[in-house]
Amino acid sequence: MMQPIAEPFVVEVWGKLAGVVLKEGGAFRFHAVAPPFRELDGAEFSIPGFARLAAARLDPHTRDPHTLDGGRSLGSASHSASSLPL
């Protein structure tokens, strides 16, 4: 029996289309549509919101200039999640 196709989740960062997230098995896979988000292309996340946070960390408008890693740490993304619009 065929599985129904899951609805894609559109990921936007500050009004810019970053990509779409599709449920694949037990994970959600990010499919980038524009730079700088191609760095996440194919990445898996446990929930779609984590893909949104990761994309926001790659957007130059949301990067923290005080981080040593260029703002790409997913570990610190949760600390600023409440300040980012969803």
Protein backbone atom coordinates (compact mmCIF):
# COMPACT_ATOMS: atom_id res chain seq x y z
CA MET A 1 0.00 0.00 0.00
CA MET A 2 1.32 3.47 -0.87
CA GLN A 3 1.90 6.04 1.86
CA PRO A 4 0.18 9.41 1.38
CA ILE A 5 2.54 12.24 0.48
CA ALA A 6 3.11 14.54 3.42
CA GLU A 7 2.41 18.24 3.08
CA PRO A 8 5.59 20.29 2.69
CA PHE A 9 6.43 22.92 5.29
CA VAL A 10 7.60 26.17 3.72
CA VAL A 11 10.56 27.72 5.56
CA GLU A 12 10.90 31.50 5.33
CA VAL A 13 13.44 33.70 7.10
CA TRP A 14 12.54 37.38 7.38
CA GLY A 15 10.19 37.07 4.41
CA LYS A 16 12.74 35.25 2.21
CA LEU A 17 12.01 31.74 1.00
CA ALA A 18 14.74 29.47 2.39
CA GLY A 19 13.41 26.05 1.47
CA VAL A 20 10.84 23.39 2.18
CA VAL A 21 10.76 20.61 4.75
CA LEU A 22 9.29 17.22 3.91
CA LYS A 23 8.59 14.37 6.30
CA GLU A 24 10.74 11.39 5.32
CA GLY A 25 10.36 8.40 7.59
CA GLY A 26 10.76 9.54 11.18
CA ALA A 27 12.56 12.79 10.31
CA PHE A 28 11.98 16.04 8.47
CA ARG A 29 14.40 16.77 5.60
CA PHE A 30 15.22 20.34 4.55
CA HIS A 31 15.40 21.12 0.81
CA ALA A 32 17.02 24.50 0.16
CA VAL A 33 15.86 26.78 -2.63
CA ALA A 34 18.22 29.74 -2.22
CA PRO A 35 21.65 30.65 -0.90
CA PRO A 36 22.84 30.86 1.87
CA PHE A 37 20.46 28.07 2.87
CA ARG A 38 21.95 25.47 0.53
CA GLU A 39 24.37 24.67 3.32
CA LEU A 40 21.43 22.90 5.02
CA ASP A 41 20.21 21.09 1.90
CA GLY A 42 19.44 17.49 2.81
CA ALA A 43 19.79 18.01 6.57
CA GLU A 44 17.38 16.07 8.78
CA PHE A 45 15.54 17.52 11.76
CA SER A 46 13.30 15.98 14.41
CA ILE A 47 10.67 18.71 13.98
CA PRO A 48 10.13 21.30 11.20
CA GLY A 49 10.72 24.19 13.61
CA PHE A 50 14.34 23.14 14.08
CA ALA A 51 14.88 23.51 10.33
CA ARG A 52 13.48 27.04 10.57
CA LEU A 53 15.86 27.88 13.43
CA ALA A 54 18.84 26.45 11.54
CA ALA A 55 17.95 28.47 8.43
CA ALA A 56 17.60 31.62 10.52
CA ARG A 57 21.10 31.08 11.90
CA LEU A 58 22.49 31.04 8.33
CA ASP A 59 20.73 34.23 7.26
CA PRO A 60 23.14 37.21 7.48
CA HIS A 61 20.35 39.37 8.95
CA THR A 62 19.95 37.10 11.98
CA ARG A 63 23.58 36.16 12.69
CA ASP A 64 25.05 37.25 15.98
CA PRO A 65 28.30 39.10 15.14
CA HIS A 66 29.66 38.25 18.60
CA THR A 67 29.80 34.48 18.06
CA LEU A 68 33.11 32.97 17.06
CA ASP A 69 31.58 30.43 14.70
CA GLY A 70 29.68 32.89 12.52
CA GLY A 71 26.38 32.06 14.21
CA ARG A 72 26.10 28.57 12.78
CA SER A 73 25.93 26.62 16.03
CA LEU A 74 22.60 24.86 16.31
CA GLY A 75 23.27 24.51 20.02
CA SER A 76 22.97 28.24 20.52
CA ALA A 77 20.01 28.61 18.14
CA SER A 78 17.58 27.64 20.89
CA HIS A 79 18.80 30.52 23.05
CA SER A 80 17.56 33.09 20.55
CA ALA A 81 14.46 31.20 19.40
CA SER A 82 12.09 33.38 21.38
CA SER A 83 13.36 36.51 19.63
CA LEU A 84 12.85 35.16 16.10
CA PRO A 85 9.46 35.36 14.37
CA LEU A 86 8.07 32.03 13.23
